[in-house]
PDB file of N, CA and C in Angstrom:
ATOM      1  N   MET A   1       5.355  -7.081  32.864  1.00  0.00           N
ATOM      2  CA  MET A   1       6.654  -7.401  32.963  1.00  0.00           C
ATOM      3  C   MET A   1       6.819  -8.221  31.955  1.00  0.00           C
ATOM      4  N   ALA A   2       7.817  -7.847  30.816  1.00  0.00           N
ATOM      5  CA  ALA A   2       7.989  -8.904  29.865  1.00  0.00           C
ATOM      6  C   ALA A   2       9.153  -9.447  29.845  1.00  0.00           C
ATOM      7  N   HIS A   3       9.422 -10.490  29.387  1.00  0.00           N
ATOM      8  CA  HIS A   3      10.469 -12.002  29.343  1.00  0.00           C
ATOM      9  C   HIS A   3      11.547 -11.573  28.402  1.00  0.00           C
ATOM     10  N   ARG A   4      12.912 -11.462  28.607  1.00  0.00           N
ATOM     11  CA  ARG A   4      14.082 -10.748  28.187  1.00  0.00           C
ATOM     12  C   ARG A   4      14.143 -11.682  27.118  1.00  0.00           C
ATOM     13  N   SER A   5      13.848 -12.610  27.146  1.00  0.00           N
ATOM     14  CA  SER A   5      14.625 -13.565  26.051  1.00  0.00           C
ATOM     15  C   SER A   5      13.365 -13.708  24.744  1.00  0.00           C
ATOM     16  N   GLY A   6      14.017 -13.789  23.846  1.00  0.00           N
ATOM     17  CA  GLY A   6      13.133 -13.590  22.767  1.00  0.00           C
ATOM     18  C   GLY A   6      13.810 -15.193  21.918  1.00  0.00           C
ATOM     19  N   PHE A   7      14.197 -16.133  22.331  1.00  0.00           N
ATOM     20  CA  PHE A   7      14.673 -16.866  21.868  1.00  0.00           C
ATOM     21  C   PHE A   7      13.638 -18.392  22.036  1.00  0.00           C
ATOM     22  N   ALA A   8      13.477 -18.262  22.974  1.00  0.00           N
ATOM     23  CA  ALA A   8      12.586 -19.426  23.532  1.00  0.00           C
ATOM     24  C   ALA A   8      10.917 -19.410  23.559  1.00  0.00           C
ATOM     25  N   SER A   9      10.213 -20.416  23.093  1.00  0.00           N
ATOM     26  CA  SER A   9       8.794 -20.190  23.173  1.00  0.00           C
ATOM     27  C   SER A   9       8.169 -19.966  24.760  1.00  0.00           C
ATOM     28  N   ARG A  10       6.812 -19.547  24.954  1.00  0.00           N
ATOM     29  CA  ARG A  10       6.551 -19.531  26.009  1.00  0.00           C
ATOM     30  C   ARG A  10       6.561 -21.007  26.635  1.00  0.00           C
ATOM     31  N   SER A  11       5.840 -21.748  25.864  1.00  0.00           N
ATOM     32  CA  SER A  11       5.331 -23.026  26.683  1.00  0.00           C
ATOM     33  C   SER A  11       6.757 -23.942  26.876  1.00  0.00           C
ATOM     34  N   ALA A  12       8.107 -23.636  26.155  1.00  0.00           N
ATOM     35  CA  ALA A  12       9.281 -24.371  26.575  1.00  0.00           C
ATOM     36  C   ALA A  12       9.846 -23.493  27.727  1.00  0.00           C
ATOM     37  N   LEU A  13       9.997 -22.138  27.862  1.00  0.00           N
ATOM     38  CA  LEU A  13      10.495 -21.551  29.194  1.00  0.00           C
ATOM     39  C   LEU A  13       9.572 -21.901  30.394  1.00  0.00           C
ATOM     40  N   ALA A  14       7.988 -22.209  30.247  1.00  0.00           N
ATOM     41  CA  ALA A  14       7.315 -22.575  31.082  1.00  0.00           C
ATOM     42  C   ALA A  14       7.528 -24.271  31.886  1.00  0.00           C
ATOM     43  N   GLY A  15       7.849 -24.847  30.819  1.00  0.00           N
ATOM     44  CA  GLY A  15       8.309 -26.173  30.741  1.00  0.00           C
ATOM     45  C   GLY A  15       9.827 -26.411  31.902  1.00  0.00           C
ATOM     46  N   ALA A  16      10.932 -25.153  31.395  1.00  0.00           N
ATOM     47  CA  ALA A  16      11.895 -25.622  31.882  1.00  0.00           C
ATOM     48  C   ALA A  16      11.503 -24.626  33.378  1.00  0.00           C
ATOM     49  N   TYR A  17      10.962 -23.875  33.393  1.00  0.00           N
ATOM     50  CA  TYR A  17      10.850 -23.421  34.668  1.00  0.00           C
ATOM     51  C   TYR A  17      10.092 -24.670  35.708  1.00  0.00           C
ATOM     52  N   ALA A  18       9.282 -25.415  34.965  1.00  0.00           N
ATOM     53  CA  ALA A  18       8.615 -25.927  35.948  1.00  0.00           C
ATOM     54  C   ALA A  18       9.365 -27.568  36.548  1.00  0.00           C
ATOM     55  N   ALA A  19      10.331 -27.646  35.454  1.00  0.00           N
ATOM     56  CA  ALA A  19      11.220 -29.095  35.804  1.00  0.00           C
ATOM     57  C   ALA A  19      12.154 -28.287  36.924  1.00  0.00           C
ATOM     58  N   LEU A  20      12.396 -27.290  36.865  1.00  0.00           N
ATOM     59  CA  LEU A  20      13.324 -26.826  37.856  1.00  0.00           C
ATOM     60  C   LEU A  20      12.699 -26.586  39.465  1.00  0.00           C
ATOM     61  N   ALA A  21      11.514 -26.203  39.365  1.00  0.00           N
ATOM     62  CA  ALA A  21      10.846 -26.547  40.604  1.00  0.00           C
ATOM     63  C   ALA A  21      10.494 -27.533  41.060  1.00  0.00           C
ATOM     64  N   ASP A  22      10.834 -28.894  40.475  1.00  0.00           N
ATOM     65  CA  ASP A  22      10.330 -30.011  40.795  1.00  0.00           C
ATOM     66  C   ASP A  22      11.900 -30.636  41.552  1.00  0.00           C
ATOM     67  N   LEU A  23      12.926 -30.032  41.024  1.00  0.00           N
ATOM     68  CA  LEU A  23      13.798 -30.574  41.525  1.00  0.00           C
ATOM     69  C   LEU A  23      14.236 -30.786  43.002  1.00  0.00           C
ATOM     70  N   ASP A  24      14.850 -31.332  43.675  1.00  0.00           N
ATOM     71  CA  ASP A  24      14.478 -31.906  45.086  1.00  0.00           C
ATOM     72  C   ASP A  24      15.909 -30.566  45.971  1.00  0.00           C
ATOM     73  N   THR A  25      16.845 -29.847  45.146  1.00  0.00           N
ATOM     74  CA  THR A  25      17.555 -29.075  45.774  1.00  0.00           C
ATOM     75  C   THR A  25      17.207 -27.758  45.368  1.00  0.00           C
ATOM     76  N   ALA A  26      17.712 -27.234  46.303  1.00  0.00           N
ATOM     77  CA  ALA A  26      16.794 -25.397  46.222  1.00  0.00           C
ATOM     78  C   ALA A  26      17.681 -24.955  45.478  1.00  0.00           C
ATOM     79  N   LEU A  27      19.199 -24.988  45.340  1.00  0.00           N
ATOM     80  CA  LEU A  27      19.545 -24.674  44.748  1.00  0.00           C
ATOM     81  C   LEU A  27      19.643 -23.659  43.264  1.00  0.00           C
ATOM     82  N   PRO A  28      19.056 -24.831  42.367  1.00  0.00           N
ATOM     83  CA  PRO A  28      19.009 -24.673  40.920  1.00  0.00           C
ATOM     84  C   PRO A  28      17.457 -23.292  41.044  1.00  0.00           C
ATOM     85  N   LEU A  29      16.960 -24.016  41.939  1.00  0.00           N
ATOM     86  CA  LEU A  29      15.210 -23.120  41.775  1.00  0.00           C
ATOM     87  C   LEU A  29      15.858 -21.576  42.360  1.00  0.00           C
ATOM     88  N   LEU A  30      16.391 -21.446  43.166  1.00  0.00           N
ATOM     89  CA  LEU A  30      16.844 -19.792  43.541  1.00  0.00           C
ATOM     90  C   LEU A  30      17.977 -19.484  42.514  1.00  0.00           C
ATOM     91  N   ALA A  31      18.352 -20.089  41.929  1.00  0.00           N
ATOM     92  CA  ALA A  31      19.665 -19.169  40.725  1.00  0.00           C
ATOM     93  C   ALA A  31      18.681 -18.943  39.582  1.00  0.00           C
ATOM     94  N   PHE A  32      17.018 -19.304  39.566  1.00  0.00           N
ATOM     95  CA  PHE A  32      16.188 -19.286  38.295  1.00  0.00           C
ATOM     96  C   PHE A  32      15.061 -18.411  38.722  1.00  0.00           C
ATOM     97  N   ALA A  33      14.747 -18.695  39.934  1.00  0.00           N
ATOM     98  CA  ALA A  33      13.520 -18.212  40.866  1.00  0.00           C
ATOM     99  C   ALA A  33      13.180 -16.889  40.499  1.00  0.00           C
ATOM    100  N   GLU A  34      13.972 -15.875  40.124  1.00  0.00           N
ATOM    101  CA  GLU A  34      13.751 -14.358  39.788  1.00  0.00           C
ATOM    102  C   GLU A  34      13.349 -14.215  38.424  1.00  0.00           C
ATOM    103  N   HIS A  35      14.179 -15.235  37.655  1.00  0.00           N
ATOM    104  CA  HIS A  35      13.742 -15.159  36.456  1.00  0.00           C
ATOM    105  C   HIS A  35      12.338 -15.423  35.892  1.00  0.00           C
ATOM    106  N   ALA A  36      11.852 -16.757  36.696  1.00  0.00           N
ATOM    107  CA  ALA A  36      10.780 -17.624  36.663  1.00  0.00           C
ATOM    108  C   ALA A  36       9.365 -16.660  36.889  1.00  0.00           C
ATOM    109  N   ALA A  37      10.213 -15.988  38.138  1.00  0.00           N
ATOM    110  CA  ALA A  37       8.620 -15.004  38.304  1.00  0.00           C
ATOM    111  C   ALA A  37       8.392 -13.808  37.197  1.00  0.00           C
ATOM    112  N   GLU A  38       9.429 -13.185  36.855  1.00  0.00           N
ATOM    113  CA  GLU A  38       9.594 -12.488  35.857  1.00  0.00           C
ATOM    114  C   GLU A  38       8.688 -12.837  34.552  1.00  0.00           C
ATOM    115  N   PHE A  39       8.806 -14.313  34.302  1.00  0.00           N
ATOM    116  CA  PHE A  39       8.287 -14.934  33.160  1.00  0.00           C
ATOM    117  C   PHE A  39       6.547 -15.211  33.539  1.00  0.00           C
ATOM    118  N   TYR A  40       6.668 -15.603  34.560  1.00  0.00           N
ATOM    119  CA  TYR A  40       4.904 -15.907  35.031  1.00  0.00           C
ATOM    120  C   TYR A  40       4.127 -14.483  34.804  1.00  0.00           C
ATOM    121  N   LEU A  41       4.552 -13.637  35.238  1.00  0.00           N
ATOM    122  CA  LEU A  41       4.007 -12.594  35.589  1.00  0.00           C
ATOM    123  C   LEU A  41       3.558 -11.900  34.046  1.00  0.00           C
ATOM    124  N   GLY A  42       4.598 -12.247  33.158  1.00  0.00           N
ATOM    125  CA  GLY A  42       4.427 -11.726  31.734  1.00  0.00           C
ATOM    126  C   GLY A  42       4.224 -12.691  30.939  1.00  0.00           C
ATOM    127  N   PRO A  43       4.453 -13.074  29.823  1.00  0.00           N
ATOM    128  CA  PRO A  43       4.243 -13.999  28.811  1.00  0.00           C
ATOM    129  C   PRO A  43       3.943 -15.793  29.344  1.00  0.00           C
ATOM    130  N   GLY A  44       4.183 -15.757  30.624  1.00  0.00           N
ATOM    131  CA  GLY A  44       3.726 -16.916  31.406  1.00  0.00           C
ATOM    132  C   GLY A  44       2.440 -16.854  31.807  1.00  0.00           C
ATOM    133  N   ALA A  45       1.817 -15.582  32.033  1.00  0.00           N
ATOM    134  CA  ALA A  45       0.956 -15.381  32.381  1.00  0.00           C
ATOM    135  C   ALA A  45      -0.042 -16.092  33.762  1.00  0.00           C
ATOM    136  N   ASP A  46       0.929 -16.171  34.957  1.00  0.00           N
ATOM    137  CA  ASP A  46       0.308 -17.111  35.911  1.00  0.00           C
ATOM    138  C   ASP A  46       1.075 -16.228  36.935  1.00  0.00           C
ATOM    139  N   ALA A  47       0.011 -15.392  37.790  1.00  0.00           N
ATOM    140  CA  ALA A  47       0.401 -14.740  38.515  1.00  0.00           C
ATOM    141  C   ALA A  47       1.089 -15.627  40.104  1.00  0.00           C
ATOM    142  N   GLU A  48       0.063 -16.382  40.274  1.00  0.00           N
ATOM    143  CA  GLU A  48      -0.116 -17.204  41.098  1.00  0.00           C
ATOM    144  C   GLU A  48       1.591 -18.014  41.494  1.00  0.00           C
ATOM    145  N   ARG A  49       1.772 -18.625  40.382  1.00  0.00           N
ATOM    146  CA  ARG A  49       3.041 -19.537  40.295  1.00  0.00           C
ATOM    147  C   ARG A  49       4.095 -18.071  40.201  1.00  0.00           C
ATOM    148  N   ALA A  50       3.963 -17.036  39.798  1.00  0.00           N
ATOM    149  CA  ALA A  50       5.147 -15.735  39.891  1.00  0.00           C
ATOM    150  C   ALA A  50       5.253 -15.355  41.608  1.00  0.00           C
ATOM    151  N   TRP A  51       4.246 -15.425  42.256  1.00  0.00           N
ATOM    152  CA  TRP A  51       3.704 -15.277  43.502  1.00  0.00           C
ATOM    153  C   TRP A  51       4.899 -15.943  44.747  1.00  0.00           C
ATOM    154  N   VAL A  52       4.677 -17.123  44.103  1.00  0.00           N
ATOM    155  CA  VAL A  52       5.712 -18.329  44.802  1.00  0.00           C
ATOM    156  C   VAL A  52       6.786 -18.208  44.510  1.00  0.00           C
ATOM    157  N   LEU A  53       7.140 -17.849  43.805  1.00  0.00           N
ATOM    158  CA  LEU A  53       8.705 -17.792  43.015  1.00  0.00           C
ATOM    159  C   LEU A  53       9.258 -16.705  43.559  1.00  0.00           C
ATOM    160  N   ALA A  54       8.207 -15.862  43.756  1.00  0.00           N
ATOM    161  CA  ALA A  54       8.964 -14.571  44.199  1.00  0.00           C
ATOM    162  C   ALA A  54       9.515 -14.604  45.493  1.00  0.00           C
ATOM    163  N   GLN A  55       8.431 -15.372  46.340  1.00  0.00           N
ATOM    164  CA  GLN A  55       8.674 -15.318  47.832  1.00  0.00           C
ATOM    165  C   GLN A  55      10.007 -16.235  47.695  1.00  0.00           C
ATOM    166  N   GLN A  56      10.375 -17.046  46.973  1.00  0.00           N
ATOM    167  CA  GLN A  56      11.115 -18.288  47.228  1.00  0.00           C
ATOM    168  C   GLN A  56      12.698 -17.463  46.774  1.00  0.00           C
ATOM    169  N   ASN A  57      12.382 -16.380  46.164  1.00  0.00           N
ATOM    170  CA  ASN A  57      13.651 -15.537  45.496  1.00  0.00           C
ATOM    171  C   ASN A  57      13.791 -14.594  46.916  1.00  0.00           C
ATOM    172  N   LEU A  58      12.894 -14.346  47.255  1.00  0.00           N
ATOM    173  CA  LEU A  58      13.091 -13.206  48.390  1.00  0.00           C
ATOM    174  C   LEU A  58      13.841 -13.665  49.364  1.00  0.00           C
ATOM    175  N   ALA A  59      13.079 -14.891  49.899  1.00  0.00           N
ATOM    176  CA  ALA A  59      14.028 -16.031  51.164  1.00  0.00           C
ATOM    177  C   ALA A  59      15.147 -15.821  50.744  1.00  0.00           C
ATOM    178  N   GLY A  60      15.899 -16.326  50.010  1.00  0.00           N
ATOM    179  CA  GLY A  60      16.982 -16.543  49.129  1.00  0.00           C
ATOM    180  C   GLY A  60      18.207 -15.210  49.203  1.00  0.00           C
ATOM    181  N   ARG A  61      17.153 -14.334  48.597  1.00  0.00           N
ATOM    182  CA  ARG A  61      18.143 -12.867  48.547  1.00  0.00           C
ATOM    183  C   ARG A  61      17.075 -11.792  48.934  1.00  0.00           C
ATOM    184  N   GLN A  62      18.000 -11.306  49.693  1.00  0.00           N
ATOM    185  CA  GLN A  62      17.160  -9.798  50.102  1.00  0.00           C
ATOM    186  C   GLN A  62      17.801  -8.586  49.663  1.00  0.00           C
ATOM    187  N   THR A  63      16.990  -8.639  48.491  1.00  0.00           N
ATOM    188  CA  THR A  63      18.084  -7.579  47.844  1.00  0.00           C
ATOM    189  C   THR A  63      16.685  -6.846  47.282  1.00  0.00           C
ATOM    190  N   ASP A  64      16.921  -5.505  46.793  1.00  0.00           N
ATOM    191  CA  ASP A  64      16.122  -4.430  46.388  1.00  0.00           C
ATOM    192  C   ASP A  64      14.658  -4.918  45.014  1.00  0.00           C
ATOM    193  N   ARG A  65      15.919  -5.730  44.199  1.00  0.00           N
ATOM    194  CA  ARG A  65      14.910  -6.317  42.996  1.00  0.00           C
ATOM    195  C   ARG A  65      14.599  -7.504  43.344  1.00  0.00           C
ATOM    196  N   ALA A  66      14.559  -8.196  44.380  1.00  0.00           N
ATOM    197  CA  ALA A  66      13.896  -9.127  45.367  1.00  0.00           C
ATOM    198  C   ALA A  66      12.478  -8.674  45.632  1.00  0.00           C
ATOM    199  N   LEU A  67      12.572  -7.453  46.461  1.00  0.00           N
ATOM    200  CA  LEU A  67      11.188  -6.897  47.415  1.00  0.00           C
ATOM    201  C   LEU A  67      10.481  -6.409  46.176  1.00  0.00           C
ATOM    202  N   THR A  68      11.211  -5.992  45.190  1.00  0.00           N
ATOM    203  CA  THR A  68       9.922  -5.508  43.928  1.00  0.00           C
ATOM    204  C   THR A  68       9.592  -5.989  43.242  1.00  0.00           C
ATOM    205  N   LEU A  69       9.866  -7.604  43.053  1.00  0.00           N
ATOM    206  CA  LEU A  69       9.281  -8.408  42.367  1.00  0.00           C
ATOM    207  C   LEU A  69       8.275  -8.836  42.919  1.00  0.00           C
ATOM    208  N   ALA A  70       8.583  -9.390  44.468  1.00  0.00           N
ATOM    209  CA  ALA A  70       7.748  -9.496  45.287  1.00  0.00           C
ATOM    210  C   ALA A  70       6.793  -8.816  45.511  1.00  0.00           C
ATOM    211  N   LEU A  71       6.789  -7.520  45.516  1.00  0.00           N
ATOM    212  CA  LEU A  71       5.610  -6.730  45.591  1.00  0.00           C
ATOM    213  C   LEU A  71       4.648  -6.741  43.932  1.00  0.00           C
ATOM    214  N   GLU A  72       5.291  -6.970  43.153  1.00  0.00           N
ATOM    215  CA  GLU A  72       4.636  -7.029  41.878  1.00  0.00           C
ATOM    216  C   GLU A  72       3.787  -8.156  41.864  1.00  0.00           C
ATOM    217  N   ALA A  73       4.606  -9.157  42.113  1.00  0.00           N
ATOM    218  CA  ALA A  73       3.295 -10.588  42.272  1.00  0.00           C
ATOM    219  C   ALA A  73       2.206 -10.733  43.303  1.00  0.00           C
ATOM    220  N   ALA A  74       2.535  -9.551  44.580  1.00  0.00           N
ATOM    221  CA  ALA A  74       1.636  -9.477  45.542  1.00  0.00           C
ATOM    222  C   ALA A  74       0.681  -8.831  44.819  1.00  0.00           C
ATOM    223  N   ARG A  75       0.825  -7.518  44.063  1.00  0.00           N
ATOM    224  CA  ARG A  75      -0.423  -6.965  43.690  1.00  0.00           C
ATOM    225  C   ARG A  75      -1.176  -7.497  42.387  1.00  0.00           C
ATOM    226  N   ALA A  76      -0.630  -8.460  41.501  1.00  0.00           N
ATOM    227  CA  ALA A  76      -0.889  -8.929  40.398  1.00  0.00           C
ATOM    228  C   ALA A  76      -2.037  -9.956  41.460  1.00  0.00           C
ATOM    229  N   THR A  77      -1.703 -10.694  42.140  1.00  0.00           N
ATOM    230  CA  THR A  77      -2.374 -11.913  42.685  1.00  0.00           C
ATOM    231  C   THR A  77      -3.750 -11.270  43.657  1.00  0.00           C
ATOM    232  N   GLY A  78      -3.348  -9.827  43.926  1.00  0.00           N
ATOM    233  CA  GLY A  78      -4.495  -9.186  44.950  1.00  0.00           C
ATOM    234  C   GLY A  78      -4.595  -9.591  46.337  1.00  0.00           C
ATOM    235  N   ARG A  79      -3.105  -9.664  46.791  1.00  0.00           N
ATOM    236  CA  ARG A  79      -2.663  -9.714  48.257  1.00  0.00           C
ATOM    237  C   ARG A  79      -2.116  -8.674  48.828  1.00  0.00           C
ATOM    238  N   GLN A  80      -3.417  -8.013  49.041  1.00  0.00           N
ATOM    239  CA  GLN A  80      -3.181  -6.377  49.462  1.00  0.00           C
ATOM    240  C   GLN A  80      -2.273  -6.549  50.852  1.00  0.00           C
ATOM    241  N   ARG A  81      -2.677  -7.235  51.954  1.00  0.00           N
ATOM    242  CA  ARG A  81      -2.024  -7.518  52.964  1.00  0.00           C
ATOM    243  C   ARG A  81      -0.139  -7.290  52.556  1.00  0.00           C
ATOM    244  N   GLU A  82       0.117  -8.201  51.932  1.00  0.00           N
ATOM    245  CA  GLU A  82       1.351  -8.587  51.508  1.00  0.00           C
ATOM    246  C   GLU A  82       1.814  -7.815  50.808  1.00  0.00           C
ATOM    247  N   VAL A  83       1.110  -6.584  50.009  1.00  0.00           N
ATOM    248  CA  VAL A  83       1.293  -5.437  49.131  1.00  0.00           C
ATOM    249  C   VAL A  83       1.827  -4.497  50.163  1.00  0.00           C
ATOM    250  N   CYS A  84       1.128  -4.107  51.152  1.00  0.00           N
ATOM    251  CA  CYS A  84       1.689  -3.289  52.346  1.00  0.00           C
ATOM    252  C   CYS A  84       2.938  -3.709  52.981  1.00  0.00           C
ATOM    253  N   ALA A  85       2.696  -5.021  53.466  1.00  0.00           N
ATOM    254  CA  ALA A  85       4.044  -5.287  54.065  1.00  0.00           C
ATOM    255  C   ALA A  85       5.178  -5.145  53.150  1.00  0.00           C
ATOM    256  N   LEU A  86       5.385  -5.796  52.023  1.00  0.00           N
ATOM    257  CA  LEU A  86       6.284  -5.408  51.012  1.00  0.00           C
ATOM    258  C   LEU A  86       6.568  -3.833  50.488  1.00  0.00           C
ATOM    259  N   ALA A  87       6.015  -3.158  50.747  1.00  0.00           N
ATOM    260  CA  ALA A  87       5.746  -1.782  50.082  1.00  0.00           C
ATOM    261  C   ALA A  87       6.768  -1.050  51.098  1.00  0.00           C
ATOM    262  N   ALA A  88       6.267  -1.399  52.621  1.00  0.00           N
ATOM    263  CA  ALA A  88       7.064  -1.031  53.599  1.00  0.00           C
ATOM    264  C   ALA A  88       8.370  -1.327  53.681  1.00  0.00           C
ATOM    265  N   ARG A  89       9.277  -1.936  53.120  1.00  0.00           N
ATOM    266  CA  ARG A  89      10.578  -2.723  52.969  1.00  0.00           C
ATOM    267  C   ARG A  89      10.789  -2.165  51.939  1.00  0.00           C
ATOM    268  N   VAL A  90      10.478  -2.081  50.914  1.00  0.00           N
ATOM    269  CA  VAL A  90      11.104  -1.344  49.603  1.00  0.00           C
ATOM    270  C   VAL A  90      12.210  -0.165  50.010  1.00  0.00           C
ATOM    271  N   ARG A  91      13.053  -0.479  50.073  1.00  0.00           N
ATOM    272  CA  ARG A  91      14.386   0.282  50.100  1.00  0.00           C
ATOM    273  C   ARG A  91      14.781   1.652  49.410  1.00  0.00           C
ATOM    274  N   ALA A  92      14.221   1.677  48.373  1.00  0.00           N
ATOM    275  CA  ALA A  92      14.358   2.471  47.060  1.00  0.00           C
ATOM    276  C   ALA A  92      13.611   3.957  47.320  1.00  0.00           C
ATOM    277  N   GLY A  93      12.958   3.840  48.567  1.00  0.00           N
ATOM    278  CA  GLY A  93      12.582   5.032  48.966  1.00  0.00           C
ATOM    279  C   GLY A  93      10.794   4.771  49.230  1.00  0.00           C
ATOM    280  N   PRO A  94      10.401   5.653  49.696  1.00  0.00           N
ATOM    281  CA  PRO A  94       8.799   5.465  50.224  1.00  0.00           C
ATOM    282  C   PRO A  94       7.936   5.312  49.345  1.00  0.00           C
ATOM    283  N   VAL A  95       7.184   4.098  49.405  1.00  0.00           N
ATOM    284  CA  VAL A  95       6.195   3.808  48.489  1.00  0.00           C
ATOM    285  C   VAL A  95       4.758   4.283  49.390  1.00  0.00           C
ATOM    286  N   ALA A  96       3.868   4.746  48.292  1.00  0.00           N
ATOM    287  CA  ALA A  96       2.793   4.921  49.095  1.00  0.00           C
ATOM    288  C   ALA A  96       1.949   3.788  48.505  1.00  0.00           C
ATOM    289  N   GLU A  97       1.282   3.184  49.148  1.00  0.00           N
ATOM    290  CA  GLU A  97       0.607   2.180  48.247  1.00  0.00           C
ATOM    291  C   GLU A  97      -0.837   2.498  48.343  1.00  0.00           C
ATOM    292  N   GLU A  98      -1.811   2.567  47.823  1.00  0.00           N
ATOM    293  CA  GLU A  98      -3.255   2.607  48.067  1.00  0.00           C
ATOM    294  C   GLU A  98      -3.703   1.039  48.519  1.00  0.00           C
ATOM    295  N   GLY A  99      -4.465   1.817  49.527  1.00  0.00           N
ATOM    296  CA  GLY A  99      -5.090   0.504  50.516  1.00  0.00           C
ATOM    297  C   GLY A  99      -4.383   0.224  51.831  1.00  0.00           C
ATOM    298  N   CYS A 100      -3.158   0.823  51.854  1.00  0.00           N
ATOM    299  CA  CYS A 100      -2.434   0.827  53.200  1.00  0.00           C
ATOM    300  C   CYS A 100      -2.300   1.239  53.921  1.00  0.00           C
ATOM    301  N   PRO A 101      -1.825   1.218  55.514  1.00  0.00           N
ATOM    302  CA  PRO A 101      -1.986   2.558  56.325  1.00  0.00           C
ATOM    303  C   PRO A 101      -0.646   3.456  55.887  1.00  0.00           C
ATOM    304  N   GLY A 102      -1.078   4.640  56.043  1.00  0.00           N
ATOM    305  CA  GLY A 102       0.020   5.433  55.821  1.00  0.00           C
ATOM    306  C   GLY A 102      -0.166   6.317  54.323  1.00  0.00           C
ATOM    307  N   HIS A 103      -1.013   5.550  53.665  1.00  0.00           N
ATOM    308  CA  HIS A 103      -1.576   6.189  52.121  1.00  0.00           C
ATOM    309  C   HIS A 103      -2.384   7.741  52.190  1.00  0.00           C
ATOM    310  N   PRO A 104      -2.107   8.509  51.570  1.00  0.00           N
ATOM    311  CA  PRO A 104      -2.879   9.853  51.451  1.00  0.00           C
ATOM    312  C   PRO A 104      -4.134   9.365  51.139  1.00  0.00           C
TER     313      PRO A 104
END
């Protein structure tokens, strides 16, 4: 997944997202958690950080996009149990995930 902004450098974006994560209030982090998770899955190259942000995003927003992003981050970090649980929740249709119960 590629970050959509071609205007900022990878290190500048990483620094901005890290600064948001350090804030005491959850509101700014939630507002940017989805974008930050996408960044860390792509050019930020930090799947573990993407997983944490995707989970925070999903906790605050129960949307198909939040579920899909969390699923992508779970796959990227090798969290098979979470992959199966999230795949079962995706509302866009049945997701047959290899290694999960019910996969042919």
